[in-house]
Protein backbone atom coordinates (compact mmCIF):
# COMPACT_ATOMS: atom_id res chain seq x y z
CA MET A 1 0.00 0.03 -0.10
CA HIS A 2 1.26 3.92 -0.55
CA PRO A 3 2.28 5.24 2.65
CA ALA A 4 0.43 8.07 1.80
CA ARG A 5 -2.90 6.08 2.00
CA ASN A 6 -2.47 5.34 5.78
CA ALA A 7 -4.83 7.15 8.34
CA SER A 8 -1.42 7.99 9.63
CA VAL A 9 1.60 7.71 8.37
CA LEU A 10 5.28 7.72 10.73
CA PHE A 11 7.99 8.56 8.62
CA GLU A 12 11.16 6.05 8.68
CA THR A 13 13.17 8.38 11.25
CA GLY A 14 10.44 8.50 13.06
CA SER A 15 10.33 12.11 13.65
CA LEU A 16 6.77 13.34 11.75
CA THR A 17 3.63 12.62 11.45
CA LEU A 18 1.40 12.93 8.45
CA GLY A 19 -2.16 13.50 9.50
CA PRO A 20 -5.35 11.55 8.02
CA HIS A 21 -6.25 14.12 5.59
CA LEU A 22 -3.28 14.38 3.11
CA PRO A 23 -3.79 13.75 -0.49
CA MET A 24 -1.70 10.90 -2.19
CA ALA A 25 2.35 12.25 -3.63
CA SER A 26 1.66 13.81 -7.07
CA TYR A 27 5.68 12.98 -7.22
CA HIS A 28 8.45 12.14 -4.74
CA ALA A 29 11.73 13.76 -5.79
CA THR A 30 14.73 12.08 -5.41
CA GLU A 31 16.43 14.84 -3.71
CA ARG A 32 16.75 14.13 0.22
CA TRP A 33 16.65 16.88 2.73
CA HIS A 34 19.57 18.27 3.92
CA PRO A 35 19.42 20.24 7.21
CA ASP A 36 22.19 22.83 7.49
CA ARG A 37 21.59 26.10 6.16
CA ILE A 38 24.52 27.05 3.22
CA GLY A 39 24.36 30.95 4.61
CA ALA A 40 24.31 32.70 1.11
CA LEU A 41 21.40 33.95 -0.77
CA ALA A 42 21.54 35.13 -4.45
CA LEU A 43 19.12 38.55 -5.32
CA TYR A 44 18.55 38.07 -9.20
CA CYS A 45 15.41 38.38 -12.05
CA SER A 46 12.16 36.44 -11.73
CA ASP A 47 12.24 36.18 -15.59
CA GLY A 48 12.09 31.68 -15.05
CA ARG A 49 14.21 31.88 -18.86
CA TRP A 50 17.53 32.33 -17.10
CA GLY A 51 16.51 30.63 -13.64
CA GLU A 52 18.31 27.33 -14.56
CA ALA A 53 21.53 29.33 -15.81
CA PHE A 54 21.14 30.85 -12.12
CA ASP A 55 21.06 28.29 -10.63
CA GLU A 56 23.80 26.29 -12.33
CA PHE A 57 26.27 29.80 -12.09
CA CYS A 58 25.46 29.28 -8.52
CA HIS A 59 25.95 26.05 -8.02
CA ARG A 60 29.09 25.04 -10.07
CA HIS A 61 30.85 28.30 -9.92
CA LEU A 62 29.58 30.08 -6.86
CA GLN A 63 30.15 26.37 -5.29
CA ILE A 64 26.97 28.09 -3.30
CA PRO A 65 24.26 25.30 -3.26
CA ARG A 66 20.91 25.47 -1.93
CA TYR A 67 21.39 28.93 -1.16
CA ASP A 68 18.14 31.24 -0.52
CA ARG A 69 16.77 32.51 -3.66
CA TRP A 70 15.09 35.67 -4.22
CA ALA A 71 13.81 35.85 -7.19
CA VAL A 72 11.96 39.20 -8.43
CA PRO A 73 11.75 41.65 -11.38
CA GLY A 74 14.57 43.13 -12.00
CA GLY A 75 16.27 41.95 -9.03
CA PRO A 76 18.68 43.94 -7.20
CA ALA A 77 16.47 46.66 -8.73
CA TRP A 78 14.67 46.58 -5.25
CA LEU A 79 17.95 48.02 -3.89
CA ALA A 80 18.81 50.69 -5.71
CA GLY A 81 17.56 53.42 -3.99
CA TYR A 82 15.06 55.03 -6.25
CA GLU A 83 12.77 57.52 -4.63
CA GLU A 84 9.87 56.28 -6.20
CA ASP A 85 10.53 52.56 -5.27
CA ALA A 86 10.80 53.93 -1.37
CA PRO A 87 7.99 50.49 -0.90
CA LEU A 88 10.17 48.09 -2.98
CA LEU A 89 13.37 48.54 -0.73
CA ASP A 90 11.27 49.24 3.10
CA ALA A 91 9.82 45.41 1.69
CA ALA A 92 13.58 44.34 0.89
CA ARG A 93 14.35 45.33 3.99
CA SER A 94 12.21 43.77 6.23
CA GLN A 95 12.51 40.59 3.61
CA LEU A 96 16.24 41.00 4.43
CA ASP A 97 16.72 41.57 8.16
CA PHE A 98 14.37 38.08 9.28
CA LEU A 99 17.05 36.40 5.93
CA VAL A 100 20.00 37.66 7.89
CA ARG A 101 19.03 37.23 11.66
CA VAL A 102 16.85 33.25 11.02
CA HIS A 103 18.80 32.27 8.06
CA GLU A 104 22.39 33.07 9.17
CA LEU A 105 23.43 34.79 5.75
CA GLU A 106 27.27 35.40 5.50
CA ARG A 107 27.23 36.41 1.87
CA ILE A 108 24.88 38.00 -1.06
CA VAL A 109 25.47 37.33 -4.62
CA LEU A 110 23.76 40.37 -6.95
CA ILE A 111 23.00 39.43 -10.46
CA THR A 112 21.31 41.38 -13.16
CA HIS A 113 21.00 40.63 -16.62
CA TYR A 114 21.19 41.79 -20.13
CA GLY A 115 17.57 41.74 -21.92
CA CYS A 116 15.44 42.62 -18.60
CA ALA A 117 12.36 43.38 -19.29
CA TRP A 118 12.02 46.08 -15.91
CA TYR A 119 14.81 48.34 -17.22
CA GLY A 120 13.62 48.21 -20.78
CA GLU A 121 9.61 48.78 -19.10
CA ARG A 122 11.42 51.43 -17.21
CA LEU A 123 14.10 53.34 -19.34
CA GLU A 124 12.11 52.71 -22.30
CA GLN A 125 15.22 51.94 -23.91
CA PRO A 126 17.03 48.63 -25.74
CA ALA A 127 18.86 46.22 -23.64
CA ASP A 128 22.60 47.31 -24.93
CA GLU A 129 21.44 51.09 -23.62
CA CYS A 130 19.57 50.09 -20.28
CA LEU A 131 23.35 48.40 -19.23
CA PRO A 132 25.15 51.22 -17.75
CA THR A 133 22.13 51.89 -15.56
CA GLN A 134 21.70 48.30 -14.00
CA ALA A 135 25.40 49.00 -13.50
CA ASP A 136 25.04 52.10 -11.64
CA ASP A 137 21.83 50.01 -9.66
CA LEU A 138 24.35 47.01 -8.86
CA TRP A 139 26.91 49.57 -7.54
CA THR A 140 24.15 51.15 -5.13
CA ALA A 141 22.33 48.02 -3.86
CA ALA A 142 25.40 46.51 -2.76
CA ALA A 143 26.89 49.86 -1.33
CA ILE A 144 22.90 49.67 0.71
CA LEU A 145 23.51 46.35 1.83
CA ARG A 146 27.02 47.14 3.26
CA ASP A 147 25.30 50.05 5.75
CA TRP A 148 22.44 47.38 6.73
CA TYR A 149 24.57 44.44 6.99
CA PRO A 150 28.57 45.79 7.67
CA GLY A 151 29.91 42.12 7.83
CA LEU A 152 28.32 40.09 5.38
CA ARG A 153 30.02 39.63 2.29
CA MET A 154 28.34 41.43 -0.97
CA GLU A 155 29.52 40.94 -4.45
CA ALA A 156 27.57 40.85 -7.76
CA TYR A 157 27.39 39.98 -11.65
CA LEU A 158 26.80 40.68 -14.68
CA ALA A 159 24.32 37.43 -16.77
CA MET A 160 24.69 37.79 -20.56
CA ARG A 161 23.05 36.24 -23.46
CA THR A 162 24.80 35.47 -26.81
CA HIS A 163 21.78 33.72 -28.91
CA ASP A 164 21.64 30.98 -26.64
CA TRP A 165 24.52 30.71 -24.82
CA PHE A 166 24.79 32.07 -21.11
CA SER A 167 28.00 33.80 -19.36
CA PHE A 168 28.70 35.89 -16.22
CA HIS A 169 30.52 38.61 -15.57
CA GLN A 170 31.74 40.07 -12.32
CA VAL A 171 31.16 43.78 -11.31
CA GLU A 172 33.38 45.49 -9.09
CA VAL A 173 31.34 47.23 -6.57
CA GLY A 174 33.53 47.54 -3.51
CA GLY A 175 35.62 50.30 -2.17
CA GLU A 176 34.41 54.01 -0.92
CA ARG A 177 31.40 55.94 -2.83
CA ARG A 178 33.18 57.58 -5.28
CA ALA A 179 33.52 56.95 -9.38
CA GLY A 180 36.69 55.41 -9.93
CA ASN A 181 38.08 54.09 -13.34
CA GLY A 182 35.40 52.22 -15.61
CA ARG A 183 36.40 48.64 -16.94
CA THR A 184 34.42 47.65 -20.29
CA VAL A 185 31.78 44.33 -20.67
CA SER A 186 30.64 43.12 -23.54
CA GLY A 187 30.67 46.90 -24.92
CA SER A 188 29.32 48.32 -22.29
CA SER A 189 31.46 50.61 -19.34
CA TRP A 190 31.01 49.08 -15.42
CA SER A 191 32.15 51.66 -13.33
CA ARG A 192 33.16 50.95 -9.81
CA GLY A 193 31.13 53.54 -8.58
CA PRO A 194 27.91 54.90 -9.50
CA SER A 195 27.50 57.42 -12.75
CA ALA A 196 27.07 61.49 -11.42
CA ASN A 197 23.29 61.05 -12.78
CA ALA A 198 23.04 58.02 -10.53
CA THR A 199 23.85 59.17 -7.42
CA ALA A 200 21.96 62.69 -7.88
CA ARG A 201 18.56 61.14 -8.77
CA ARG A 202 18.87 59.02 -5.82
CA GLY A 203 19.89 62.19 -3.20
CA LEU A 204 23.63 59.94 -2.33
CA THR A 205 26.20 62.09 -1.63
CA GLY A 206 29.51 61.79 -2.70
């Protein structure tokens, strides 16, 4: 008899009881439960076409299996500090406070991706023209996170797509709040600090 058909089922560990109203399982996962927390969170866009690549990058390159996932439209844009997005920033702070405390986070990974519809809609620009703003937003998001959680490790990446191939490029988001020498990634200038326009529209000091 399938175990889920029993009125009350004790798992082999003897630590969990399923009540009489549990329906028959639709699917049994091959993945097994791992109780240890990884202490890492990745914030990226909710666009499902990129999801498998995000997972592969985090698992294989960053070596953070079972990381906490926070997927929202625009990803790190929620932490970019725009005045019109104050409710997003407040919601982000509330959720992150909980995750840092309860899930014992030590590391936050920010990923923005090429062709993000959040930026395309807001800026009314093609994907290439959105990249400088995405670079600004990564830097600002990391700066805000450092202010909120000084002891956490922050890192940021740009996810690119060339035809049907994905690649990930690390973006420098450390250092003091000041502009620095840029570096070029896929034809776009990625600076070590926010541009003057980004600083002005967020009301940040130099």
